[in-house]
Amino acid sequence: MIKKLVYSKFWLPIIVLFLVLINWVASIIHTRLDLTSEKRFTLSSPTKKLLQKIDDPITIDVFLKGNYPSGFRQLSASTNDMLKEFKEIATNKIRYNFINAEDVLPETDVKYADTLTAMGFYPINLTSQVKEGQQQQFVYPFAWVHYKDKIEIIELYKGKSPIINFTELASAEALLEYQFANAISKITQTEKPIIGYAIGNGEPVNYTTYDLIENVLNKDYKLFTFSLDSPKFIPNAFKVMVIVKPTIKFTDEEKLKLDQYVMNGGKLILFADRLNAEMDSLQIKNEVIAFDRDLQINDMLFNYGARINANLLMDLQCDYLPFDVNGNGQFEMLPWNYFPVMESKANHPINKGLGFVAGRFTNTLDTVEAEGINKTILLSSSSNARTIGSPAIISGKENVNAPEDAKYKMHNLATAVLLEGKFKSLFANRLSISMKANLDSFGIPFLPQCVQNNKIIVVSDGDIVLNAMVKANPIPMGANQYTYGTQKEFPFANKIFLQNCLEYLINKNGLSDAKVKDYTPRLLDNNKVEEQKTVWQVITIVFPISIVLLFAIVFQWLRKRKYTI
């Protein structure tokens, strides 16, 4: 039967029909195997659920098209692979394009690069090694996500220096799923989560909170202020309560509101200075005494598993400040050890791929025993640090002489911690009659323990999320007003740290799972590549061709031998 079919005149149409059928089935039923040890091509379950819920088309423009060094070509290829997976799960409701930033926008003479810069997204002046020496070029590692009339911009690479760092590139690849999924989550959400900003205890509400309020809280969330000294209790509708740099002590009634908010499942993030040390005082007198603010909040933090210490962190890894070294009015930018530049161990979704975070008169913190509470250090000092206790005298004359490196022997001093678990109430055994009556008047039952596992973040620096002013304009949080716009300016990750904290605390779609991935860079040895290049060229090019030729010669010889009379 088969033999007759082969020799019939219908064999060609049948084969074509068969191939079309196979392709049609393959387009409907297909799968992929991820054989990588880190499962880099496998999307997390929360990401898949998010993509399956997309109702209208999403267009993604990636600005990684160009003659870039191999590291960024790999990042571009990985981005392409990731977006293919997204498109597959979203049933073609995701469209994506790779664009050269030097191209012009349709129907205009404006370059994409100029548009990105105008929006505050600046390129990396990348230095790469080529045969002729070093090469410099601008790279725009960004992507636009368009949905209806909304747009979200993603920074795909958050490198700390203009030199290509393959570890940072590997980290950027590992975060691709989270970056795109988080942007899609934000741009498609119909209602923003509600966040409370605490006032009433001296928290700033002036120009120093511009970047915090306008570019983070109001941008991604629905923000309300809440005065802790008001008679009302904190609404459960608040997903997170943010407390920034309080300067007035907390009363027991105020702590009860925070405590019961946490017991009812509310998330808390606190940025606090235990010691009073401000740049304004130092600039006026060139000397300031840092003393304890006595905020009366350490007992609550201690109960939850953390303690802010009454000291100041000094670090050789620090930011700059102008000093009149010779007393002749000629200022010089020198390292200021009271402005520590903190780092992370990339041990959690919050600090994974995080750059350096700038601090100002930072305290250290300790974790303490609290039953059932897990503690994760998010930020810490470098390996060359020290502390001074309270009261501490801070003088502008300290930088006239270089710091004694021998004193900076302490390392990894914690400055930010995540607490997770079922917290026990500070007032479990000390609720007064008046407090009980106050709760009853609002119909709120007292809870001695959290109703479910909860999260608190404590940061021992109130200035991390505040901004300074340069020429009457606010600059980004963490940016140094004295180096801003100069060659010593550094893009600190303060805002990214805050955004990561809030996203993890709220974790609306469970996307934190996508941040756990870790890519291991498997780099080639350039010396070996150069030495063995010819050998591998022969193996990969000449050898396969030789096999084919050998097979052809043997086949022809056998055929000739068989049919020769």
Protein backbone atom coordinates (compact mmCIF):
# COMPACT_ATOMS: atom_id res chain seq x y z
CA MET A 1 0.00 0.00 0.00
CA ILE A 2 2.69 2.45 1.03
CA LYS A 3 4.81 1.46 -2.00
CA LYS A 4 1.89 2.14 -4.36
CA LEU A 5 1.27 5.49 -2.67
CA VAL A 6 4.90 6.50 -3.06
CA TYR A 7 4.90 5.74 -6.79
CA SER A 8 1.46 7.30 -7.41
CA LYS A 9 0.94 10.83 -8.80
CA PHE A 10 -0.58 12.00 -5.49
CA TRP A 11 2.55 11.50 -3.38
CA LEU A 12 3.63 15.16 -3.44
CA PRO A 13 0.23 16.68 -2.42
CA ILE A 14 -0.06 14.06 0.35
CA ILE A 15 3.38 14.93 1.75
CA VAL A 16 2.57 18.66 1.62
CA LEU A 17 -0.76 18.07 3.37
CA PHE A 18 0.99 15.94 5.99
CA LEU A 19 3.59 18.66 6.69
CA VAL A 20 0.87 21.33 6.95
CA LEU A 21 -1.02 19.12 9.41
CA ILE A 22 2.09 18.62 11.55
CA ASN A 23 2.76 22.39 11.63
CA TRP A 24 -0.87 23.13 12.55
CA VAL A 25 -0.80 20.64 15.43
CA ALA A 26 2.58 22.00 16.59
CA SER A 27 1.17 25.55 16.66
CA ILE A 28 -1.59 24.43 19.04
CA ILE A 29 0.11 21.78 21.14
CA HIS A 30 3.73 22.41 22.00
CA THR A 31 6.03 22.66 25.00
CA ARG A 32 9.58 23.57 25.92
CA LEU A 33 12.06 21.90 28.21
CA ASP A 34 14.14 24.10 30.51
CA LEU A 35 17.38 22.19 31.10
CA THR A 36 19.20 25.03 32.91
CA SER A 37 20.01 24.37 36.56
CA GLU A 38 18.63 27.78 37.64
CA LYS A 39 15.45 27.38 35.52
CA ARG A 40 16.08 30.67 33.79
CA PHE A 41 13.53 29.96 31.05
CA THR A 42 10.73 28.89 33.41
CA LEU A 43 8.29 31.60 34.46
CA SER A 44 7.02 31.62 38.04
CA SER A 45 3.40 30.77 38.73
CA PRO A 46 2.41 34.35 39.81
CA THR A 47 3.86 35.74 36.57
CA LYS A 48 1.89 33.24 34.48
CA LYS A 49 -1.34 34.12 36.30
CA LEU A 50 -0.69 37.83 35.74
CA LEU A 51 -0.05 37.35 32.01
CA GLN A 52 -3.15 35.20 31.57
CA LYS A 53 -5.32 38.01 33.00
CA ILE A 54 -4.21 40.65 30.46
CA ASP A 55 -7.33 41.97 28.73
CA ASP A 56 -5.92 44.47 26.19
CA PRO A 57 -2.74 44.39 24.08
CA ILE A 58 0.52 45.55 25.68
CA THR A 59 3.38 46.89 23.56
CA ILE A 60 6.95 46.77 24.86
CA ASP A 61 9.78 48.76 23.25
CA VAL A 62 13.28 47.66 24.29
CA PHE A 63 16.22 50.00 23.61
CA LEU A 64 18.91 47.36 23.36
CA LYS A 65 19.40 47.26 19.60
CA GLY A 66 22.84 48.25 18.39
CA ASN A 67 26.47 47.27 18.06
CA TYR A 68 27.03 46.79 21.78
CA PRO A 69 29.69 44.76 23.61
CA SER A 70 29.01 41.04 24.11
CA GLY A 71 27.64 41.51 27.63
CA PHE A 72 24.83 43.79 26.49
CA ARG A 73 24.19 41.69 23.38
CA GLN A 74 23.64 38.79 25.77
CA LEU A 75 21.28 40.93 27.89
CA SER A 76 19.40 41.86 24.70
CA ALA A 77 19.14 38.19 23.68
CA SER A 78 17.96 37.19 27.16
CA THR A 79 15.35 39.96 27.07
CA ASN A 80 14.15 38.67 23.70
CA ASP A 81 13.88 35.12 25.09
CA MET A 82 11.98 36.34 28.15
CA LEU A 83 9.51 38.37 26.09
CA LYS A 84 8.91 35.35 23.84
CA GLU A 85 7.86 33.42 26.94
CA PHE A 86 5.63 36.31 28.03
CA LYS A 87 4.00 36.45 24.59
CA GLU A 88 3.44 32.69 24.66
CA ILE A 89 1.64 32.76 28.02
CA ALA A 90 -0.31 35.96 27.25
CA THR A 91 -1.75 34.38 24.06
CA ASN A 92 -0.25 37.04 21.79
CA LYS A 93 -1.57 39.99 23.81
CA ILE A 94 2.03 41.15 24.20
CA ARG A 95 3.87 42.74 21.30
CA TYR A 96 7.49 43.80 21.55
CA ASN A 97 10.07 45.65 19.46
CA PHE A 98 13.80 46.17 19.77
CA ILE A 99 14.73 49.74 18.91
CA ASN A 100 18.03 51.61 18.52
CA ALA A 101 17.91 54.62 20.84
CA GLU A 102 19.55 56.73 18.12
CA ASP A 103 16.57 56.18 15.79
CA VAL A 104 13.93 58.90 15.54
CA LEU A 105 10.34 58.61 16.69
CA PRO A 106 7.81 58.05 13.88
CA GLU A 107 6.71 61.23 12.09
CA THR A 108 9.18 63.38 14.09
CA ASP A 109 12.84 64.34 14.00
CA VAL A 110 13.29 63.61 17.73
CA LYS A 111 15.47 60.70 18.73
CA TYR A 112 14.35 58.12 21.27
CA ALA A 113 17.56 58.86 23.17
CA ASP A 114 16.60 62.53 23.57
CA THR A 115 13.12 61.56 24.76
CA LEU A 116 14.52 59.16 27.36
CA THR A 117 16.97 61.79 28.62
CA ALA A 118 14.20 64.40 28.85
CA MET A 119 12.20 61.97 30.99
CA GLY A 120 15.13 61.60 33.39
CA PHE A 121 16.46 58.26 32.12
CA TYR A 122 20.12 58.82 31.33
CA PRO A 123 22.42 56.49 29.38
CA ILE A 124 25.43 54.60 30.66
CA ASN A 125 28.66 55.96 29.23
CA LEU A 126 29.97 52.45 28.75
CA THR A 127 33.67 51.61 28.58
CA SER A 128 34.47 48.28 26.93
CA GLN A 129 37.66 46.55 25.89
CA VAL A 130 38.25 45.93 22.19
CA LYS A 131 41.33 44.85 20.21
CA GLU A 132 42.25 48.45 19.43
CA GLY A 133 42.00 49.44 23.11
CA GLN A 134 39.10 50.88 25.10
CA GLN A 135 35.85 51.92 23.45
CA GLN A 136 33.23 54.28 24.88
CA GLN A 137 29.60 54.40 23.83
CA PHE A 138 26.21 55.34 25.23
CA VAL A 139 23.89 52.50 26.16
CA TYR A 140 20.22 53.01 27.02
CA PRO A 141 19.23 49.88 29.03
CA PHE A 142 15.54 50.79 29.22
CA ALA A 143 12.21 49.48 28.02
CA TRP A 144 8.84 51.19 27.53
CA VAL A 145 5.71 49.28 28.45
CA HIS A 146 2.56 50.70 26.78
CA TYR A 147 -0.96 49.78 27.88
CA LYS A 148 -3.95 51.80 26.73
CA ASP A 149 -2.94 55.39 27.52
CA LYS A 150 -0.42 54.44 30.22
CA ILE A 151 3.33 54.00 30.02
CA GLU A 152 5.78 52.41 32.46
CA ILE A 153 9.56 52.60 32.03
CA ILE A 154 11.86 49.76 33.10
CA GLU A 155 15.56 50.12 33.87
CA LEU A 156 16.96 46.78 32.73
CA TYR A 157 20.52 47.27 33.98
CA LYS A 158 21.42 49.06 37.21
CA GLY A 159 25.21 48.84 36.98
CA LYS A 160 27.27 50.82 39.46
CA SER A 161 30.11 51.80 37.12
CA PRO A 162 30.77 52.48 33.40
CA ILE A 163 32.96 49.38 33.25
CA ILE A 164 31.11 46.23 32.14
CA ASN A 165 30.54 44.03 35.17
CA PHE A 166 29.46 40.52 34.21
CA THR A 167 28.16 39.80 37.71
CA GLU A 168 25.83 42.82 37.48
CA LEU A 169 24.79 41.77 33.96
CA ALA A 170 23.96 38.28 35.26
CA SER A 171 21.92 39.89 38.04
CA ALA A 172 20.10 42.03 35.45
CA GLU A 173 19.26 38.89 33.46
CA ALA A 174 17.96 37.18 36.59
CA LEU A 175 15.65 40.13 37.29
CA LEU A 176 14.17 40.36 33.79
CA GLU A 177 11.07 38.34 34.63
CA TYR A 178 10.37 40.37 37.75
CA GLN A 179 11.06 43.71 36.04
CA PHE A 180 8.62 43.12 33.18
CA ALA A 181 6.01 41.35 35.31
CA ASN A 182 6.09 44.13 37.91
CA ALA A 183 5.73 46.82 35.24
CA ILE A 184 2.77 44.97 33.68
CA SER A 185 1.21 44.56 37.14
CA LYS A 186 1.49 48.29 37.84
CA ILE A 187 0.25 49.44 34.45
CA THR A 188 -2.75 47.09 34.33
CA GLN A 189 -3.96 47.54 37.92
CA THR A 190 -7.37 49.17 38.12
CA GLU A 191 -6.96 50.43 41.67
CA LYS A 192 -3.80 51.53 43.43
CA PRO A 193 -3.00 50.14 46.90
CA ILE A 194 -3.58 52.61 49.75
CA ILE A 195 -0.59 53.75 51.80
CA GLY A 196 -0.55 55.87 54.94
CA TYR A 197 2.12 58.47 55.74
CA ALA A 198 2.35 59.10 59.47
CA ILE A 199 2.46 62.67 60.82
CA GLY A 200 2.15 64.10 64.30
CA ASN A 201 5.59 63.10 65.64
CA GLY A 202 7.73 65.60 63.79
CA GLU A 203 7.82 63.71 60.48
CA PRO A 204 8.85 66.03 57.62
CA VAL A 205 6.16 67.36 55.27
CA ASN A 206 8.34 69.93 53.47
CA TYR A 207 10.52 70.05 50.34
CA THR A 208 12.70 67.20 51.64
CA THR A 209 9.86 64.75 50.95
CA TYR A 210 9.25 65.86 47.35
CA ASP A 211 10.89 62.84 45.70
CA LEU A 212 9.37 60.48 48.26
CA ILE A 213 5.83 61.80 47.88
CA GLU A 214 5.65 62.76 44.21
CA ASN A 215 7.88 60.17 42.54
CA VAL A 216 7.19 57.10 44.68
CA LEU A 217 4.16 57.22 46.97
CA ASN A 218 1.78 59.30 44.84
CA LYS A 219 3.03 57.74 41.62
CA ASP A 220 2.45 54.08 42.44
CA TYR A 221 -0.02 54.22 45.35
CA LYS A 222 -3.01 56.05 46.72
CA LEU A 223 -1.52 58.15 49.53
CA PHE A 224 -3.16 59.47 52.69
CA THR A 225 -1.58 61.19 55.67
CA PHE A 226 -2.56 59.99 59.12
CA SER A 227 -1.88 61.82 62.37
CA LEU A 228 -1.04 59.39 65.16
CA ASP A 229 -1.97 61.97 67.79
CA SER A 230 -5.58 62.06 66.53
CA PRO A 231 -8.20 60.06 68.47
CA LYS A 232 -8.82 57.69 65.54
CA PHE A 233 -7.10 54.34 64.96
CA ILE A 234 -5.21 53.48 61.77
CA PRO A 235 -7.61 52.17 59.09
CA ASN A 236 -7.09 48.58 57.99
CA ALA A 237 -7.45 49.81 54.40
CA PHE A 238 -3.87 51.08 54.65
CA LYS A 239 -1.67 48.37 53.13
CA VAL A 240 1.46 49.97 54.57
CA MET A 241 2.08 52.69 57.15
CA VAL A 242 5.23 54.70 56.38
CA ILE A 243 7.00 56.53 59.22
CA VAL A 244 9.87 58.82 58.18
CA LYS A 245 12.31 60.52 60.53
CA PRO A 246 10.15 61.19 63.61
CA THR A 247 11.61 63.76 66.00
CA ILE A 248 8.95 63.87 68.74
CA LYS A 249 8.58 61.01 71.22
CA PHE A 250 5.74 58.53 70.80
CA THR A 251 3.14 58.28 73.54
CA ASP A 252 1.73 54.93 74.69
CA GLU A 253 -1.54 55.78 72.96
CA GLU A 254 0.26 56.33 69.65
CA LYS A 255 2.25 53.13 70.03
CA LEU A 256 -1.00 51.26 70.77
CA LYS A 257 -2.39 52.45 67.40
CA LEU A 258 0.72 51.24 65.56
CA ASP A 259 0.77 48.01 67.56
CA GLN A 260 -2.85 47.10 66.87
CA TYR A 261 -2.49 48.11 63.23
CA VAL A 262 0.32 45.54 62.95
CA MET A 263 -1.66 42.93 64.93
CA ASN A 264 -4.53 43.33 62.43
CA GLY A 265 -2.22 42.62 59.47
CA GLY A 266 -1.02 46.12 58.60
CA LYS A 267 2.55 46.42 57.28
CA LEU A 268 4.96 48.93 58.82
CA ILE A 269 8.12 50.55 57.46
CA LEU A 270 10.10 52.85 59.72
CA PHE A 271 13.00 55.17 58.81
CA ALA A 272 14.24 56.61 62.10
CA ASP A 273 17.25 58.45 63.53
CA ARG A 274 17.81 57.66 67.17
CA LEU A 275 20.43 60.40 67.52
CA ASN A 276 19.82 64.05 66.71
CA ALA A 277 22.57 65.04 64.24
CA GLU A 278 21.78 67.49 61.44
CA MET A 279 23.84 69.12 58.71
CA ASP A 280 22.24 72.53 59.40
CA SER A 281 23.82 72.68 62.85
CA LEU A 282 27.19 71.51 61.52
CA GLN A 283 27.22 74.21 58.83
CA ILE A 284 26.46 76.98 61.33
CA LYS A 285 28.87 76.02 64.14
CA ASN A 286 31.18 73.59 62.32
CA GLU A 287 30.50 71.31 65.28
CA VAL A 288 27.48 69.48 66.60
CA ILE A 289 26.76 67.17 69.53
CA ALA A 290 24.68 64.16 68.54
CA PHE A 291 22.34 63.21 71.37
CA ASP A 292 19.52 60.71 71.87
CA ARG A 293 16.14 61.91 70.60
CA ASP A 294 14.43 59.66 73.17
CA LEU A 295 11.66 58.70 70.74
CA GLN A 296 10.29 56.11 73.19
CA ILE A 297 9.75 53.62 70.37
CA ASN A 298 12.60 51.23 71.04
CA ASP A 299 10.51 49.15 73.45
CA MET A 300 8.02 48.38 70.66
CA LEU A 301 10.79 47.58 68.17
CA PHE A 302 12.55 45.42 70.78
CA ASN A 303 9.33 43.49 71.29
CA TYR A 304 9.15 42.85 67.52
CA GLY A 305 12.81 41.74 67.27
CA ALA A 306 14.98 44.81 66.55
CA ARG A 307 16.75 47.64 68.36
CA ILE A 308 18.15 50.92 67.02
CA ASN A 309 21.40 51.67 68.83
CA ALA A 310 22.34 55.05 70.33
CA ASN A 311 25.45 55.45 68.18
CA LEU A 312 26.66 56.80 64.86
CA LEU A 313 28.09 54.69 62.07
CA MET A 314 31.39 55.83 60.57
CA ASP A 315 32.60 54.11 57.41
CA LEU A 316 35.61 54.44 55.11
CA GLN A 317 33.18 53.65 52.28
CA CYS A 318 31.39 56.98 52.33
CA ASP A 319 30.11 59.98 50.40
CA TYR A 320 31.79 63.38 49.96
CA LEU A 321 31.48 66.76 51.64
CA PRO A 322 33.27 70.08 50.88
CA PHE A 323 35.90 71.12 53.44
CA ASP A 324 38.03 74.24 53.82
CA VAL A 325 41.23 72.28 54.41
CA ASN A 326 43.72 75.17 54.56
CA GLY A 327 41.39 77.76 56.05
CA ASN A 328 41.76 80.06 53.04
CA GLY A 329 38.27 79.59 51.62
CA GLN A 330 39.37 77.01 49.04
CA PHE A 331 36.99 74.09 49.49
CA GLU A 332 37.93 70.54 48.59
CA MET A 333 35.65 67.52 48.28
CA LEU A 334 36.73 64.94 50.85
CA PRO A 335 35.21 61.68 52.12
CA TRP A 336 32.92 62.28 55.11
CA ASN A 337 32.80 59.15 57.27
CA TYR A 338 29.43 60.11 58.80
CA PHE A 339 27.83 59.73 55.35
CA PRO A 340 28.19 55.93 55.00
CA VAL A 341 27.57 54.24 51.65
CA MET A 342 25.74 51.07 52.58
CA GLU A 343 25.66 47.83 50.67
CA SER A 344 23.64 44.63 50.65
CA LYS A 345 24.41 40.94 50.44
CA ALA A 346 21.72 40.36 47.78
CA ASN A 347 20.19 37.83 50.16
CA HIS A 348 16.54 38.76 49.62
CA PRO A 349 14.16 39.93 46.84
CA ILE A 350 14.30 43.45 48.34
CA ASN A 351 18.05 43.90 47.93
CA LYS A 352 18.73 41.57 45.00
CA GLY A 353 20.58 43.50 42.30
CA LEU A 354 20.54 46.60 44.53
CA GLY A 355 23.26 49.23 44.17
CA PHE A 356 24.81 51.29 46.95
CA VAL A 357 22.51 53.22 49.32
CA ALA A 358 23.63 56.57 50.72
CA GLY A 359 23.14 57.35 54.39
CA ARG A 360 23.37 60.49 56.52
CA PHE A 361 24.38 60.25 60.19
CA THR A 362 23.22 56.65 60.29
CA ASN A 363 22.76 54.58 63.44
CA THR A 364 23.36 50.86 63.63
CA LEU A 365 20.74 48.35 64.69
CA ASP A 366 20.72 44.92 66.29
CA THR A 367 18.30 42.05 66.10
CA VAL A 368 17.06 40.63 69.39
CA GLU A 369 15.35 37.39 70.38
CA ALA A 370 11.66 37.37 69.49
CA GLU A 371 9.82 34.06 69.36
CA GLY A 372 8.77 33.01 65.86
CA ILE A 373 10.20 36.09 64.14
CA ASN A 374 12.57 35.75 61.18
CA LYS A 375 15.10 38.54 60.69
CA THR A 376 16.79 39.39 57.40
CA ILE A 377 19.50 42.07 57.22
CA LEU A 378 18.82 44.21 54.15
CA LEU A 379 21.55 46.87 54.42
CA SER A 380 24.85 47.00 56.26
CA SER A 381 28.15 48.82 56.44
CA SER A 382 31.28 47.91 54.54
CA SER A 383 34.07 45.85 56.07
CA ASN A 384 35.86 49.03 57.19
CA ALA A 385 33.57 50.67 59.72
CA ARG A 386 33.36 51.81 63.33
CA THR A 387 30.83 53.37 65.68
CA ILE A 388 30.89 56.20 68.21
CA GLY A 389 28.48 56.31 71.11
CA SER A 390 26.15 59.02 72.33
CA PRO A 391 26.68 61.84 73.10
CA ALA A 392 28.96 62.13 70.07
CA ILE A 393 30.84 65.27 69.09
CA ILE A 394 30.93 65.74 65.32
CA SER A 395 33.36 68.36 64.06
CA GLY A 396 34.02 69.65 60.57
CA LYS A 397 37.70 69.74 61.49
CA GLU A 398 37.86 65.96 61.60
CA ASN A 399 38.61 65.71 57.89
CA VAL A 400 41.62 68.01 58.05
CA ASN A 401 43.61 64.87 58.81
CA ALA A 402 43.05 61.55 57.08
CA PRO A 403 41.09 59.04 59.18
CA GLU A 404 43.05 56.41 61.03
CA ASP A 405 42.23 53.28 59.05
CA ALA A 406 43.26 51.06 61.96
CA LYS A 407 40.17 52.17 63.90
CA TYR A 408 37.81 51.01 61.14
CA LYS A 409 37.90 47.30 61.82
CA MET A 410 34.20 46.55 62.28
CA HIS A 411 32.30 45.03 59.38
CA ASN A 412 28.75 44.34 58.19
CA LEU A 413 27.09 46.53 60.82
CA ALA A 414 23.35 46.27 60.19
CA THR A 415 21.38 49.38 59.24
CA ALA A 416 18.15 47.89 57.84
CA VAL A 417 16.28 44.73 58.80
CA LEU A 418 13.16 42.89 57.67
CA LEU A 419 11.12 41.23 60.43
CA GLU A 420 8.61 38.53 59.49
CA GLY A 421 6.30 36.34 61.55
CA LYS A 422 3.43 36.47 64.03
CA PHE A 423 4.29 39.46 66.18
CA LYS A 424 3.15 39.65 69.78
CA SER A 425 1.59 42.86 71.02
CA LEU A 426 3.69 45.19 73.17
CA PHE A 427 0.55 45.69 75.28
CA ALA A 428 -0.33 42.01 75.71
CA ASN A 429 0.26 42.20 79.48
CA ARG A 430 0.12 45.94 80.06
CA LEU A 431 -3.10 47.23 78.49
CA SER A 432 -4.45 49.96 80.74
CA ILE A 433 -8.13 50.47 81.50
CA SER A 434 -8.17 53.76 79.57
CA MET A 435 -6.58 52.10 76.53
CA LYS A 436 -9.14 49.30 76.65
CA ALA A 437 -11.95 51.84 76.91
CA ASN A 438 -10.54 53.77 73.93
CA LEU A 439 -10.47 50.61 71.80
CA ASP A 440 -14.01 49.72 72.88
CA SER A 441 -15.27 53.19 71.95
CA PHE A 442 -14.25 52.51 68.33
CA GLY A 443 -15.52 48.93 68.40
CA ILE A 444 -12.00 47.54 67.97
CA PRO A 445 -11.17 44.32 69.84
CA PHE A 446 -7.70 44.15 71.38
CA LEU A 447 -5.44 41.56 69.71
CA PRO A 448 -2.54 40.17 71.77
CA GLN A 449 -0.94 38.63 68.66
CA CYS A 450 -0.99 39.02 64.87
CA VAL A 451 -3.93 37.42 63.13
CA GLN A 452 -1.50 36.13 60.48
CA ASN A 453 2.17 36.30 59.53
CA ASN A 454 3.14 39.90 59.04
CA LYS A 455 6.10 42.06 57.95
CA ILE A 456 7.92 45.07 59.37
CA ILE A 457 10.97 46.87 57.97
CA VAL A 458 13.16 48.96 60.26
CA VAL A 459 15.85 51.30 58.85
CA SER A 460 18.14 53.14 61.26
CA ASP A 461 18.47 56.26 59.11
CA GLY A 462 15.67 58.76 58.61
CA ASP A 463 17.43 60.62 55.79
CA ILE A 464 17.66 57.70 53.34
CA VAL A 465 14.32 58.60 51.70
CA LEU A 466 14.64 62.40 51.91
CA ASN A 467 16.00 64.74 49.24
CA ALA A 468 18.03 67.93 49.18
CA MET A 469 17.66 71.02 46.99
CA VAL A 470 20.04 72.34 44.34
CA LYS A 471 19.34 75.77 42.83
CA ALA A 472 15.83 75.76 44.35
CA ASN A 473 15.01 72.42 42.71
CA PRO A 474 14.61 69.10 44.51
CA ILE A 475 17.09 66.38 43.56
CA PRO A 476 16.57 62.60 43.87
CA MET A 477 16.59 61.02 47.33
CA GLY A 478 20.08 59.90 48.28
CA ALA A 479 21.76 62.32 45.85
CA ASN A 480 24.50 64.46 47.37
CA GLN A 481 23.71 68.16 46.93
CA TYR A 482 27.44 68.97 46.91
CA THR A 483 28.39 66.54 44.12
CA TYR A 484 25.14 66.67 42.12
CA GLY A 485 25.92 67.51 38.51
CA THR A 486 29.68 67.04 38.98
CA GLN A 487 32.08 64.24 38.11
CA LYS A 488 31.81 62.92 41.67
CA GLU A 489 28.04 62.41 41.40
CA PHE A 490 27.01 58.80 41.96
CA PRO A 491 23.61 57.23 41.18
CA PHE A 492 22.70 55.82 44.58
CA ALA A 493 19.91 53.24 44.85
CA ASN A 494 17.92 54.84 47.70
CA LYS A 495 14.73 55.16 45.67
CA ILE A 496 15.03 51.60 44.31
CA PHE A 497 15.50 50.31 47.86
CA LEU A 498 12.34 52.10 49.01
CA GLN A 499 10.33 50.87 46.01
CA ASN A 500 11.53 47.30 46.57
CA CYS A 501 10.55 47.49 50.25
CA LEU A 502 7.04 48.70 49.46
CA GLU A 503 6.55 46.18 46.66
CA TYR A 504 7.62 43.33 48.91
CA LEU A 505 5.42 44.44 51.82
CA ILE A 506 2.35 44.73 49.60
CA ASN A 507 3.26 41.90 47.19
CA LYS A 508 -0.12 42.19 45.50
CA ASN A 509 0.41 39.52 42.84
CA GLY A 510 3.05 37.45 44.65
CA LEU A 511 5.70 38.58 42.15
CA SER A 512 8.47 38.41 44.73
CA ASP A 513 8.85 34.75 43.71
CA ALA A 514 10.20 35.94 40.37
CA LYS A 515 12.99 37.83 42.14
CA VAL A 516 14.47 34.76 43.79
CA LYS A 517 16.11 33.54 40.58
CA ASP A 518 19.89 33.70 40.42
CA TYR A 519 21.92 33.38 37.24
CA THR A 520 25.45 32.05 37.38
CA PRO A 521 27.66 33.82 34.83
CA ARG A 522 29.64 31.22 32.91
CA LEU A 523 32.38 33.29 31.38
CA LEU A 524 34.90 32.26 28.75
CA ASP A 525 38.63 32.51 29.41
CA ASN A 526 39.76 35.04 26.81
CA ASN A 527 43.34 33.73 26.82
CA LYS A 528 42.18 30.17 26.17
CA VAL A 529 39.80 31.37 23.47
CA GLU A 530 42.66 33.09 21.66
CA GLU A 531 45.04 30.13 22.07
CA GLN A 532 42.58 27.41 21.04
CA LYS A 533 40.60 29.37 18.45
CA THR A 534 42.03 27.50 15.44
CA VAL A 535 41.51 24.07 17.04
CA TRP A 536 37.86 24.73 17.74
CA GLN A 537 37.30 26.27 14.32
CA VAL A 538 38.60 23.04 12.77
CA ILE A 539 36.40 20.93 15.08
CA THR A 540 33.24 22.93 14.52
CA ILE A 541 33.63 23.81 10.82
CA VAL A 542 36.13 21.58 9.02
CA PHE A 543 35.28 18.34 10.82
CA PRO A 544 31.50 18.34 10.04
CA ILE A 545 32.18 19.21 6.38
CA SER A 546 34.76 16.41 6.20
CA ILE A 547 32.24 13.91 7.58
CA VAL A 548 29.69 14.93 4.95
CA LEU A 549 32.26 14.66 2.15
CA LEU A 550 33.44 11.28 3.42
CA PHE A 551 29.87 10.02 3.53
CA ALA A 552 29.28 11.27 -0.04
CA ILE A 553 32.43 9.56 -1.32
CA VAL A 554 31.57 6.25 0.37
CA PHE A 555 27.97 6.45 -0.86
CA GLN A 556 29.08 7.08 -4.44
CA TRP A 557 31.63 4.27 -4.26
CA LEU A 558 29.03 1.80 -2.93
CA ARG A 559 26.50 2.90 -5.51
CA LYS A 560 29.00 2.58 -8.34
CA ARG A 561 30.06 -0.84 -7.12
CA LYS A 562 26.44 -2.04 -6.87
CA TYR A 563 25.29 -0.93 -10.30
CA THR A 564 28.47 -1.54 -12.32
CA ILE A 565 28.02 -4.45 -14.74
